[in-house]
Protein backbone atom coordinates (compact mmCIF):
# COMPACT_ATOMS: atom_id res chain seq x y z
CA MET A 1 -72.20 -29.64 -4.13
CA LYS A 2 -75.48 -30.33 -5.89
CA ARG A 3 -75.00 -32.04 -9.25
CA THR A 4 -76.58 -30.31 -12.25
CA GLN A 5 -76.96 -31.12 -15.92
CA ASN A 6 -74.26 -28.58 -16.84
CA MET A 7 -71.51 -29.70 -14.43
CA GLU A 8 -69.85 -32.27 -16.70
CA ARG A 9 -70.95 -31.18 -20.16
CA ASN A 10 -71.64 -28.00 -22.08
CA LEU A 11 -75.21 -28.18 -23.39
CA THR A 12 -75.13 -24.88 -25.28
CA MET A 13 -75.35 -26.59 -28.67
CA VAL A 14 -78.63 -28.28 -27.78
CA MET A 15 -80.41 -26.07 -30.29
CA ASP A 16 -81.97 -26.37 -33.72
CA PHE A 17 -79.68 -25.40 -36.57
CA TYR A 18 -82.12 -22.77 -37.82
CA GLU A 19 -81.61 -20.81 -34.61
CA LEU A 20 -78.00 -20.32 -35.69
CA THR A 21 -78.72 -19.62 -39.36
CA MET A 22 -81.37 -17.04 -38.41
CA SER A 23 -79.06 -15.47 -35.84
CA ASN A 24 -76.28 -15.20 -38.41
CA GLY A 25 -78.73 -13.39 -40.68
CA TYR A 26 -79.82 -11.02 -37.91
CA PHE A 27 -76.18 -10.32 -37.09
CA LEU A 28 -75.28 -9.48 -40.68
CA ASP A 29 -78.35 -7.24 -40.99
CA GLN A 30 -77.27 -5.44 -37.80
CA ASP A 31 -80.50 -6.42 -36.04
CA LYS A 32 -78.93 -8.36 -33.18
CA ASP A 33 -79.59 -5.68 -30.54
CA ILE A 34 -83.29 -5.17 -31.32
CA ARG A 35 -85.26 -6.48 -28.37
CA VAL A 36 -88.13 -8.88 -28.89
CA ALA A 37 -90.60 -10.81 -26.77
CA PHE A 38 -91.29 -14.53 -27.21
CA ASP A 39 -94.05 -16.42 -25.39
CA VAL A 40 -94.12 -20.11 -24.54
CA PHE A 41 -97.60 -21.67 -24.47
CA TYR A 42 -99.35 -24.88 -25.45
CA ARG A 43 -102.65 -25.47 -27.24
CA LYS A 44 -104.31 -28.48 -25.55
CA ASN A 45 -104.04 -30.49 -22.36
CA PRO A 46 -102.61 -34.02 -22.55
CA ASP A 47 -105.09 -36.90 -22.43
CA ALA A 48 -107.99 -34.46 -22.94
CA GLY A 49 -107.45 -33.43 -19.33
CA GLY A 50 -108.47 -30.25 -17.57
CA PHE A 51 -105.03 -28.77 -16.84
CA ALA A 52 -101.26 -29.24 -17.01
CA ILE A 53 -98.41 -28.57 -14.58
CA PHE A 54 -95.63 -26.13 -15.50
CA THR A 55 -92.34 -27.95 -14.91
CA GLY A 56 -88.67 -27.66 -15.95
CA LEU A 57 -87.94 -24.05 -14.95
CA GLU A 58 -84.89 -24.89 -12.83
CA GLN A 59 -83.21 -26.66 -15.76
CA ILE A 60 -84.03 -23.73 -18.07
CA VAL A 61 -82.29 -21.39 -15.62
CA GLU A 62 -79.26 -23.69 -15.47
CA TYR A 63 -79.03 -23.76 -19.25
CA VAL A 64 -79.39 -20.01 -19.73
CA LEU A 65 -76.89 -19.08 -17.02
CA ASN A 66 -74.32 -21.54 -18.37
CA LEU A 67 -74.84 -20.70 -22.04
CA HIS A 68 -71.46 -20.27 -23.79
CA PHE A 69 -69.78 -21.45 -26.96
CA ASP A 70 -66.39 -23.07 -26.39
CA ASP A 71 -63.60 -23.41 -28.95
CA GLU A 72 -64.81 -26.81 -30.14
CA ASP A 73 -68.29 -25.41 -30.75
CA ILE A 74 -66.94 -22.50 -32.78
CA GLU A 75 -64.71 -24.76 -34.83
CA TYR A 76 -67.59 -27.10 -35.55
CA LEU A 77 -69.79 -24.23 -36.71
CA ARG A 78 -66.95 -22.86 -38.83
CA SER A 79 -66.71 -26.24 -40.56
CA GLN A 80 -70.27 -25.86 -41.84
CA ASN A 81 -69.08 -23.08 -44.20
CA LEU A 82 -72.25 -21.07 -43.65
CA PHE A 83 -71.45 -18.51 -41.00
CA ALA A 84 -69.66 -15.18 -41.21
CA GLU A 85 -66.40 -15.10 -39.26
CA GLU A 86 -67.57 -11.97 -37.47
CA PHE A 87 -70.64 -13.89 -36.25
CA LEU A 88 -68.50 -16.75 -34.98
CA GLN A 89 -66.33 -14.31 -33.06
CA TYR A 90 -69.49 -12.79 -31.62
CA LEU A 91 -70.62 -16.23 -30.44
CA LYS A 92 -67.22 -16.87 -28.87
CA ASN A 93 -67.94 -14.10 -26.35
CA PHE A 94 -71.68 -14.63 -26.15
CA HIS A 95 -73.70 -14.80 -22.94
CA PHE A 96 -77.41 -14.28 -22.41
CA THR A 97 -78.26 -10.68 -21.48
CA GLY A 98 -82.05 -10.68 -21.60
CA ASP A 99 -84.97 -11.09 -19.20
CA ILE A 100 -87.10 -14.16 -18.51
CA TYR A 101 -90.49 -14.16 -16.83
CA ALA A 102 -92.27 -17.38 -15.90
CA PHE A 103 -94.90 -19.03 -13.79
CA PRO A 104 -93.42 -20.42 -10.57
CA GLU A 105 -92.46 -24.02 -11.20
CA GLY A 106 -95.34 -26.32 -10.35
CA THR A 107 -98.05 -23.82 -11.34
CA VAL A 108 -101.22 -25.38 -12.70
CA MET A 109 -101.57 -23.99 -16.22
CA TYR A 110 -103.97 -24.00 -19.13
CA PRO A 111 -103.83 -23.80 -22.95
CA ASN A 112 -102.95 -20.60 -24.81
CA GLU A 113 -101.60 -18.62 -21.85
CA PRO A 114 -97.87 -17.74 -21.74
CA CYS A 115 -96.25 -19.82 -19.01
CA LEU A 116 -92.86 -18.28 -19.86
CA THR A 117 -91.86 -15.10 -21.68
CA VAL A 118 -88.43 -14.10 -22.95
CA VAL A 119 -87.73 -10.38 -23.47
CA ALA A 120 -84.25 -10.07 -24.88
CA PRO A 121 -82.04 -8.97 -27.76
CA LEU A 122 -83.10 -10.83 -30.89
CA ILE A 123 -80.22 -13.33 -31.04
CA ASP A 124 -80.37 -14.02 -27.29
CA ALA A 125 -84.06 -14.86 -27.58
CA GLN A 126 -83.58 -16.98 -30.67
CA LEU A 127 -80.73 -19.16 -29.44
CA ILE A 128 -82.52 -20.48 -26.33
CA GLU A 129 -85.71 -21.59 -28.04
CA THR A 130 -85.03 -25.34 -28.27
CA ALA A 131 -83.62 -25.71 -24.78
CA ILE A 132 -86.61 -23.95 -23.25
CA LEU A 133 -89.12 -25.99 -25.19
CA LEU A 134 -87.54 -29.38 -24.57
CA GLN A 135 -87.44 -28.81 -20.82
CA ILE A 136 -91.03 -27.57 -20.59
CA ASN A 137 -92.41 -30.12 -23.05
CA HIS A 138 -90.78 -33.11 -21.37
CA GLN A 139 -91.08 -32.32 -17.69
CA SER A 140 -94.54 -30.72 -17.89
CA LEU A 141 -95.80 -33.79 -19.72
CA ILE A 142 -94.44 -36.22 -17.11
CA ALA A 143 -95.56 -34.12 -14.14
CA THR A 144 -99.06 -33.86 -15.60
CA LYS A 145 -99.26 -37.59 -16.33
CA THR A 146 -98.02 -38.41 -12.84
CA ARG A 147 -100.63 -36.15 -11.26
CA ARG A 148 -103.34 -38.09 -13.11
CA ILE A 149 -101.89 -41.36 -11.81
CA VAL A 150 -101.61 -40.00 -8.27
CA HIS A 151 -105.21 -38.79 -8.48
CA ALA A 152 -106.33 -42.28 -9.50
CA ALA A 153 -104.35 -43.83 -6.62
CA ASP A 154 -106.62 -41.90 -4.23
CA GLY A 155 -104.15 -41.28 -1.43
CA ARG A 156 -102.05 -44.41 -1.91
CA ALA A 157 -98.33 -44.03 -2.51
CA VAL A 158 -97.01 -43.92 -6.09
CA SER A 159 -93.36 -44.59 -6.91
CA ASP A 160 -91.64 -43.96 -10.25
CA PHE A 161 -90.33 -47.29 -11.56
CA GLY A 162 -89.78 -46.08 -15.12
CA ALA A 163 -86.04 -45.57 -15.73
CA ARG A 164 -85.38 -48.68 -17.80
CA ARG A 165 -88.25 -47.82 -20.16
CA ALA A 166 -87.42 -44.13 -20.50
CA HIS A 167 -86.25 -42.85 -23.85
CA ASN A 168 -82.71 -42.22 -22.62
CA MET A 169 -80.77 -41.48 -19.44
CA ASP A 170 -81.73 -37.81 -19.26
CA ALA A 171 -85.39 -38.73 -19.77
CA ALA A 172 -85.14 -41.11 -16.81
CA ILE A 173 -83.37 -38.62 -14.55
CA TYR A 174 -85.46 -35.54 -15.28
CA GLY A 175 -88.61 -37.59 -15.74
CA ALA A 176 -88.20 -38.78 -12.16
CA ARG A 177 -87.86 -35.16 -11.03
CA ALA A 178 -91.03 -34.22 -12.90
CA ALA A 179 -92.85 -37.24 -11.47
CA TYR A 180 -91.99 -36.11 -7.95
CA ILE A 181 -93.36 -32.65 -8.70
CA GLY A 182 -96.50 -34.34 -10.03
CA GLY A 183 -96.99 -36.18 -6.75
CA ALA A 184 -94.93 -39.39 -6.83
CA ASN A 185 -93.58 -40.26 -3.39
CA SER A 186 -90.26 -41.71 -4.54
CA THR A 187 -88.23 -42.96 -7.49
CA ALA A 188 -86.23 -46.07 -8.24
CA THR A 189 -83.70 -43.95 -10.19
CA VAL A 190 -80.72 -43.52 -7.89
CA LEU A 191 -79.07 -40.58 -9.70
CA SER A 192 -82.33 -38.63 -9.50
CA GLY A 193 -82.34 -39.20 -5.76
CA GLN A 194 -78.74 -38.03 -5.52
CA MET A 195 -79.19 -34.97 -7.72
CA PHE A 196 -82.52 -33.73 -6.42
CA GLY A 197 -82.73 -35.06 -2.87
CA MET A 198 -85.71 -37.28 -3.70
CA PRO A 199 -86.56 -40.41 -1.69
CA ILE A 200 -85.45 -43.56 -3.51
CA SER A 201 -87.15 -46.92 -3.25
CA GLY A 202 -86.78 -50.47 -4.53
CA THR A 203 -86.32 -54.01 -3.24
CA MET A 204 -85.63 -56.96 -5.52
CA ALA A 205 -86.17 -58.25 -9.04
CA HIS A 206 -87.19 -61.70 -10.19
CA SER A 207 -83.52 -62.49 -10.86
CA PHE A 208 -82.79 -62.34 -7.12
CA VAL A 209 -85.44 -64.98 -6.45
CA MET A 210 -84.35 -67.13 -9.40
CA PHE A 211 -80.67 -67.04 -8.42
CA TYR A 212 -81.27 -69.10 -5.28
CA ARG A 213 -82.28 -72.76 -5.40
CA ASP A 214 -85.80 -72.03 -4.17
CA GLU A 215 -88.08 -69.11 -3.40
CA PHE A 216 -88.00 -69.54 0.37
CA GLN A 217 -84.19 -69.37 0.45
CA ALA A 218 -84.24 -66.19 -1.62
CA PHE A 219 -86.79 -64.57 0.69
CA LYS A 220 -84.88 -65.73 3.77
CA LYS A 221 -81.59 -64.24 2.49
CA TYR A 222 -83.26 -60.93 1.75
CA ALA A 223 -84.99 -60.77 5.13
CA GLU A 224 -81.76 -61.51 6.95
CA THR A 225 -79.98 -58.77 5.00
CA TYR A 226 -82.76 -56.13 5.33
CA PRO A 227 -84.78 -57.09 8.42
CA ASP A 228 -86.11 -53.55 8.88
CA ALA A 229 -87.22 -53.13 5.26
CA THR A 230 -88.26 -56.53 3.97
CA VAL A 231 -90.50 -56.29 0.91
CA LEU A 232 -90.72 -59.54 -1.05
CA LEU A 233 -91.53 -60.00 -4.75
CA VAL A 234 -94.00 -62.90 -4.73
CA ASP A 235 -94.94 -63.57 -8.37
CA THR A 236 -91.80 -65.29 -9.73
CA TYR A 237 -93.46 -68.71 -9.65
CA ASP A 238 -97.02 -68.64 -8.28
CA VAL A 239 -98.38 -65.82 -6.13
CA LEU A 240 -101.00 -67.68 -4.12
CA ARG A 241 -99.52 -71.19 -3.99
CA SER A 242 -95.88 -70.29 -3.50
CA GLY A 243 -95.06 -66.60 -3.15
CA ILE A 244 -97.44 -65.62 -0.34
CA PRO A 245 -97.00 -68.85 1.65
CA ASN A 246 -93.22 -68.42 1.51
CA ALA A 247 -93.49 -64.75 2.47
CA ILE A 248 -95.63 -65.69 5.48
CA ARG A 249 -93.15 -68.40 6.45
CA VAL A 250 -90.28 -65.89 6.33
CA ALA A 251 -92.31 -63.46 8.44
CA LYS A 252 -92.91 -66.14 11.09
CA GLU A 253 -89.61 -68.06 11.03
CA VAL A 254 -87.07 -65.33 10.20
CA LEU A 255 -88.38 -61.88 11.03
CA GLU A 256 -90.60 -62.36 14.07
CA PRO A 257 -87.89 -64.17 16.10
CA MET A 258 -85.77 -61.04 15.45
CA GLY A 259 -88.60 -58.83 16.68
CA LYS A 260 -89.23 -57.57 13.14
CA ARG A 261 -92.27 -57.42 10.89
CA LEU A 262 -92.69 -58.15 7.20
CA LYS A 263 -93.06 -54.68 5.65
CA GLY A 264 -94.66 -55.66 2.38
CA ILE A 265 -95.04 -57.85 -0.66
CA ARG A 266 -95.02 -56.85 -4.32
CA ILE A 267 -96.97 -58.41 -7.18
CA ASP A 268 -95.77 -57.65 -10.71
CA SER A 269 -97.98 -59.82 -12.93
CA GLY A 270 -101.33 -61.52 -13.25
CA ASP A 271 -104.86 -60.37 -12.45
CA LEU A 272 -103.86 -57.73 -9.95
CA ALA A 273 -107.34 -57.01 -8.62
CA TYR A 274 -108.03 -60.69 -7.95
CA LEU A 275 -104.57 -61.48 -6.58
CA THR A 276 -104.48 -58.53 -4.18
CA LYS A 277 -107.85 -59.45 -2.69
CA LYS A 278 -106.78 -63.07 -2.14
CA THR A 279 -103.38 -61.95 -0.84
CA ARG A 280 -104.94 -59.57 1.69
CA LYS A 281 -107.04 -62.37 3.14
CA MET A 282 -104.05 -64.71 3.41
CA LEU A 283 -101.85 -62.08 5.08
CA ASP A 284 -104.57 -61.03 7.51
CA LYS A 285 -105.32 -64.65 8.44
CA ALA A 286 -101.61 -65.06 9.25
CA GLY A 287 -101.69 -62.05 11.55
CA LEU A 288 -99.88 -59.81 9.06
CA GLU A 289 -102.54 -57.10 8.85
CA ASP A 290 -99.79 -54.45 8.76
CA CYS A 291 -98.02 -55.97 5.74
CA LYS A 292 -98.40 -53.65 2.75
CA ILE A 293 -99.40 -54.82 -0.73
CA ILE A 294 -97.51 -53.14 -3.57
CA ILE A 295 -98.32 -53.72 -7.22
CA SER A 296 -96.56 -52.87 -10.47
CA ASN A 297 -96.74 -53.99 -14.14
CA SER A 298 -97.79 -51.50 -16.84
CA LEU A 299 -99.93 -49.35 -14.58
CA ASP A 300 -101.47 -45.98 -15.38
CA GLU A 301 -104.43 -43.94 -14.17
CA PHE A 302 -106.88 -46.12 -16.07
CA THR A 303 -105.63 -49.52 -14.87
CA ILE A 304 -105.28 -48.20 -11.31
CA THR A 305 -108.85 -46.90 -11.38
CA SER A 306 -110.09 -50.25 -12.70
CA ILE A 307 -108.21 -52.27 -10.06
CA LEU A 308 -109.52 -50.13 -7.21
CA ASN A 309 -113.06 -50.15 -8.59
CA GLN A 310 -112.90 -53.96 -8.53
CA GLY A 311 -112.03 -53.88 -4.85
CA GLY A 312 -108.30 -54.47 -5.26
CA CYS A 313 -106.46 -54.33 -1.93
CA VAL A 314 -103.48 -52.12 -2.71
CA ASP A 315 -101.37 -49.90 -0.46
CA SER A 316 -98.82 -48.65 -3.01
CA PHE A 317 -98.21 -48.53 -6.74
CA GLY A 318 -94.93 -48.82 -8.64
CA VAL A 319 -95.57 -47.16 -12.00
CA GLY A 320 -93.08 -47.48 -14.84
CA GLU A 321 -93.27 -47.17 -18.60
CA ARG A 322 -96.67 -45.50 -18.87
CA LEU A 323 -95.58 -42.77 -16.46
CA ILE A 324 -92.03 -42.09 -17.64
CA THR A 325 -93.06 -42.01 -21.33
CA ALA A 326 -96.57 -40.57 -20.82
CA LYS A 327 -97.56 -43.43 -23.10
CA SER A 328 -101.18 -42.46 -23.71
CA GLU A 329 -100.18 -39.06 -25.14
CA PRO A 330 -96.40 -38.67 -25.35
CA VAL A 331 -96.23 -35.17 -26.90
CA PHE A 332 -96.93 -32.03 -24.90
CA GLY A 333 -96.82 -29.49 -27.72
CA ALA A 334 -95.58 -26.25 -26.16
CA VAL A 335 -94.47 -23.69 -28.76
CA TYR A 336 -92.28 -20.59 -28.77
CA LYS A 337 -93.79 -17.68 -30.70
CA ILE A 338 -92.75 -14.08 -31.15
CA ALA A 339 -95.24 -11.70 -29.54
CA ALA A 340 -93.69 -8.22 -29.86
CA VAL A 341 -90.77 -6.27 -31.30
CA GLU A 342 -89.24 -3.12 -29.78
CA GLU A 343 -89.37 -0.89 -32.88
CA THR A 344 -88.47 2.28 -30.96
CA PRO A 345 -86.86 2.47 -27.52
CA GLY A 346 -89.35 1.38 -24.89
CA GLU A 347 -92.16 0.70 -27.40
CA PHE A 348 -92.92 -2.94 -28.13
CA VAL A 349 -95.17 -3.35 -31.18
CA PRO A 350 -97.37 -6.49 -31.10
CA ARG A 351 -96.88 -9.36 -33.54
CA ILE A 352 -99.52 -11.98 -34.24
CA LYS A 353 -99.50 -15.28 -36.12
CA ILE A 354 -102.70 -15.92 -38.05
CA SER A 355 -103.85 -19.21 -39.47
CA GLU A 356 -106.77 -20.90 -41.17
CA ASN A 357 -106.96 -22.92 -37.94
CA VAL A 358 -108.44 -20.60 -35.33
CA GLU A 359 -106.67 -22.37 -32.48
CA LYS A 360 -103.29 -21.47 -34.02
CA ILE A 361 -103.87 -17.71 -33.94
CA THR A 362 -101.55 -16.40 -31.25
CA ASN A 363 -102.16 -13.89 -28.48
CA PRO A 364 -100.01 -10.87 -29.41
CA GLY A 365 -98.05 -8.26 -27.52
CA LEU A 366 -96.49 -7.84 -24.10
CA LYS A 367 -99.01 -9.15 -21.62
CA LYS A 368 -99.72 -10.23 -18.08
CA VAL A 369 -101.58 -13.35 -17.00
CA TYR A 370 -103.80 -13.23 -13.92
CA ARG A 371 -105.50 -16.01 -12.03
CA ILE A 372 -108.94 -14.88 -10.88
CA ILE A 373 -109.74 -16.15 -7.39
CA ASP A 374 -113.24 -15.98 -5.95
CA GLU A 375 -114.31 -15.39 -2.35
CA GLU A 376 -113.94 -19.09 -1.52
CA GLY A 377 -110.36 -19.18 -2.78
CA ARG A 378 -111.18 -21.05 -5.97
CA ALA A 379 -109.67 -20.22 -9.37
CA ILE A 380 -112.64 -19.39 -11.57
CA ALA A 381 -110.67 -18.25 -14.62
CA ASP A 382 -107.38 -16.93 -15.93
CA MET A 383 -107.23 -13.57 -17.69
CA ILE A 384 -104.84 -11.94 -20.14
CA ALA A 385 -104.21 -8.19 -19.89
CA LYS A 386 -101.94 -5.75 -21.67
CA ALA A 387 -98.63 -5.40 -19.83
CA ASP A 388 -99.25 -1.77 -18.87
CA GLU A 389 -102.88 -2.20 -17.78
CA ILE A 390 -104.02 -1.69 -14.21
CA VAL A 391 -106.30 -4.51 -13.12
CA ASP A 392 -108.41 -3.23 -10.22
CA MET A 393 -110.72 -5.83 -8.66
CA SER A 394 -111.97 -3.54 -5.89
CA GLN A 395 -114.98 -2.88 -8.11
CA PRO A 396 -116.81 -5.23 -10.51
CA PHE A 397 -114.31 -5.79 -13.32
CA ARG A 398 -115.53 -6.18 -16.88
CA TYR A 399 -113.90 -8.89 -18.95
CA ILE A 400 -114.27 -10.50 -22.36
CA ASP A 401 -114.83 -14.19 -22.97
CA PRO A 402 -113.16 -14.49 -26.41
CA THR A 403 -115.47 -17.37 -27.35
CA LYS A 404 -118.54 -15.22 -26.57
CA PRO A 405 -117.37 -11.62 -26.94
CA TRP A 406 -120.88 -10.22 -27.29
CA LYS A 407 -121.72 -11.01 -23.64
CA ASN A 408 -121.31 -8.32 -21.00
CA ARG A 409 -119.58 -10.04 -18.06
CA TYR A 410 -117.96 -8.95 -14.80
CA PHE A 411 -115.77 -10.44 -12.09
CA LYS A 412 -117.27 -9.53 -8.70
CA ASN A 413 -115.74 -9.98 -5.25
CA CYS A 414 -112.65 -11.55 -6.75
CA LYS A 415 -108.92 -10.98 -6.60
CA ALA A 416 -106.46 -11.13 -9.50
CA VAL A 417 -103.12 -12.85 -8.88
CA GLU A 418 -100.39 -12.14 -11.42
CA LEU A 419 -98.85 -15.46 -12.40
CA GLN A 420 -95.56 -14.64 -14.10
CA LYS A 421 -92.56 -13.68 -11.97
CA GLN A 422 -89.29 -12.23 -13.20
CA ILE A 423 -86.71 -15.03 -13.10
CA ILE A 424 -83.73 -13.56 -14.97
CA LYS A 425 -82.95 -9.85 -15.40
CA ASN A 426 -80.20 -8.67 -17.76
CA GLY A 427 -78.83 -12.20 -17.82
CA GLU A 428 -78.67 -12.59 -14.02
CA LEU A 429 -80.83 -14.73 -11.76
CA VAL A 430 -83.07 -12.51 -9.60
CA TYR A 431 -85.49 -15.16 -8.32
CA GLU A 432 -85.00 -17.64 -5.50
CA LEU A 433 -85.59 -21.07 -6.97
CA PRO A 434 -87.66 -23.22 -4.61
CA SER A 435 -86.63 -26.67 -3.44
CA LEU A 436 -88.15 -29.75 -5.07
CA ASP A 437 -90.22 -30.45 -1.98
CA GLU A 438 -91.54 -26.88 -2.04
CA ILE A 439 -92.54 -27.26 -5.71
CA ALA A 440 -94.32 -30.58 -5.03
CA ALA A 441 -96.14 -29.05 -2.04
CA TYR A 442 -97.18 -26.08 -4.19
CA VAL A 443 -98.76 -28.41 -6.75
CA LYS A 444 -100.61 -30.32 -4.05
CA ARG A 445 -101.89 -27.12 -2.41
CA GLN A 446 -103.24 -25.70 -5.68
CA LEU A 447 -105.08 -28.89 -6.57
CA SER A 448 -106.57 -29.35 -3.12
CA GLU A 449 -107.48 -25.73 -2.34
CA GLU A 450 -107.68 -23.69 -5.54
CA ILE A 451 -108.41 -25.78 -8.63
CA TRP A 452 -111.95 -27.08 -9.09
CA GLU A 453 -112.45 -30.84 -8.69
CA GLU A 454 -114.43 -30.72 -11.92
CA GLU A 455 -111.23 -29.78 -13.77
CA GLN A 456 -109.43 -32.80 -12.30
CA ARG A 457 -111.75 -35.57 -13.49
CA PHE A 458 -110.53 -37.80 -16.31
CA GLU A 459 -113.65 -37.79 -18.47
CA TYR A 460 -115.09 -34.54 -19.83
CA PRO A 461 -113.36 -32.24 -17.34
CA HIS A 462 -114.56 -28.70 -16.95
CA MET A 463 -112.53 -26.48 -19.26
CA HIS A 464 -110.90 -23.58 -17.43
CA TYR A 465 -111.82 -20.17 -18.83
CA LEU A 466 -109.13 -17.97 -20.38
CA ASP A 467 -110.61 -14.48 -20.54
CA MET A 468 -109.23 -11.13 -21.68
CA THR A 469 -109.52 -7.55 -20.53
CA PRO A 470 -111.53 -5.39 -22.94
CA ASP A 471 -108.39 -3.39 -23.85
CA TYR A 472 -106.40 -6.50 -24.64
CA TYR A 473 -109.22 -8.07 -26.66
CA GLU A 474 -109.71 -4.84 -28.63
CA MET A 475 -105.96 -4.67 -29.40
CA LYS A 476 -105.96 -8.26 -30.68
CA MET A 477 -109.05 -7.75 -32.83
CA GLN A 478 -107.65 -4.51 -34.27
CA LEU A 479 -104.43 -6.27 -35.19
CA LEU A 480 -106.35 -9.05 -36.91
CA ASN A 481 -108.50 -6.50 -38.72
CA ASP A 482 -105.47 -4.53 -39.91
CA LEU A 483 -103.85 -7.66 -41.29
CA SER A 484 -107.03 -8.74 -43.08
CA ILE A 485 -107.29 -5.32 -44.73
CA LYS A 486 -103.70 -5.62 -45.99
CA GLU A 487 -104.49 -9.00 -47.57
CA GLN A 488 -107.39 -7.55 -49.65
């Protein structure tokens, strides 16, 4: 049986306290059955990048389907002396009964578009806010950071080495999952490999070399134990004067008499560009042209780019702390905002948040998000439409650029692909969750075939357009106008 986060612990209470206090208020006001719509979106890409990767959906599904309050939870809430007994009894029998729509996991996404929407009774929607956000915020951040690192590696393998620098055990486990979705080839975190079927990798630490009386003996012991997978850590003492010579000696004196080859060496410190170039020459001169060079030590997309630009001879990267913590920008910033309320049966009335900061004004109402694909199969924009609109691309389709609404623009010879899929209906899973390998392949396919290379560069990437249908734009502007009139 596949291990999941909910198998050995009930995570229902992973929620902010205000979700419970608000829900108690809704319950007492007899508003609990009013249906609402909440959107999840974020406002800017990490690292000033051109896109992000939607990740964490499988864990959201696990949480929602297993959501229940046990006796210990109810007793703890009762001890706070804030909640009506009737509300606590309601929670005792609670299970999620709403609907969830989301992008398929691994979808390339952009700011201000809803990657996930909850349409549910008010309390149902309120109680799952924190769990949804923490999964999307964490895993999307790590997947996006990993994709940047993989892009910098330019076809070379990248392995997640980050567990010991992660913020806790869950961050290591689910960070490794997100890294794999982002393009990492393997992880050093064994439980992640067990839980998600990911390849695991790793050889030795400096302590293994230091335990034995000299470096050659350590290398010899390792080669004899793992003759088919010998990768030696060569920087414990001196890479060029000791580590590489001893690795070559083991290759010649231990492995080759067994009919085996030295698979690789790893360097974890020093001037990595310089050392890898010198190492490559020494290995090649010894007839070890097939021996791989692996490097680690505080790598990220910027250091990898620098090393390769300097001519570093690297076959594989082990990336740790700067991947698993997304060190350069460790906050993703997805938010959960109400978009509509069902005031009469079947009629959802839009809600909008306004702010002095224009970027914090939300996109109201029930909506659909489309990816606009041109004749060459490239994504030229995303577009928001009202949920009940018909988007017909068989003819030139007029759209609004909300940053330049006065321009008269049309999509021609394009197709519109609806991004959100229904994941949960009336509290039941109605969507076949893909395997981790399928999600990773989906990311790779989008970035190689659909997403512009200009959006993938690190410096001044092209900003993907988020357009609106004329009907949707008019609805939003009318709502803003109505609210401004009320304020006068």
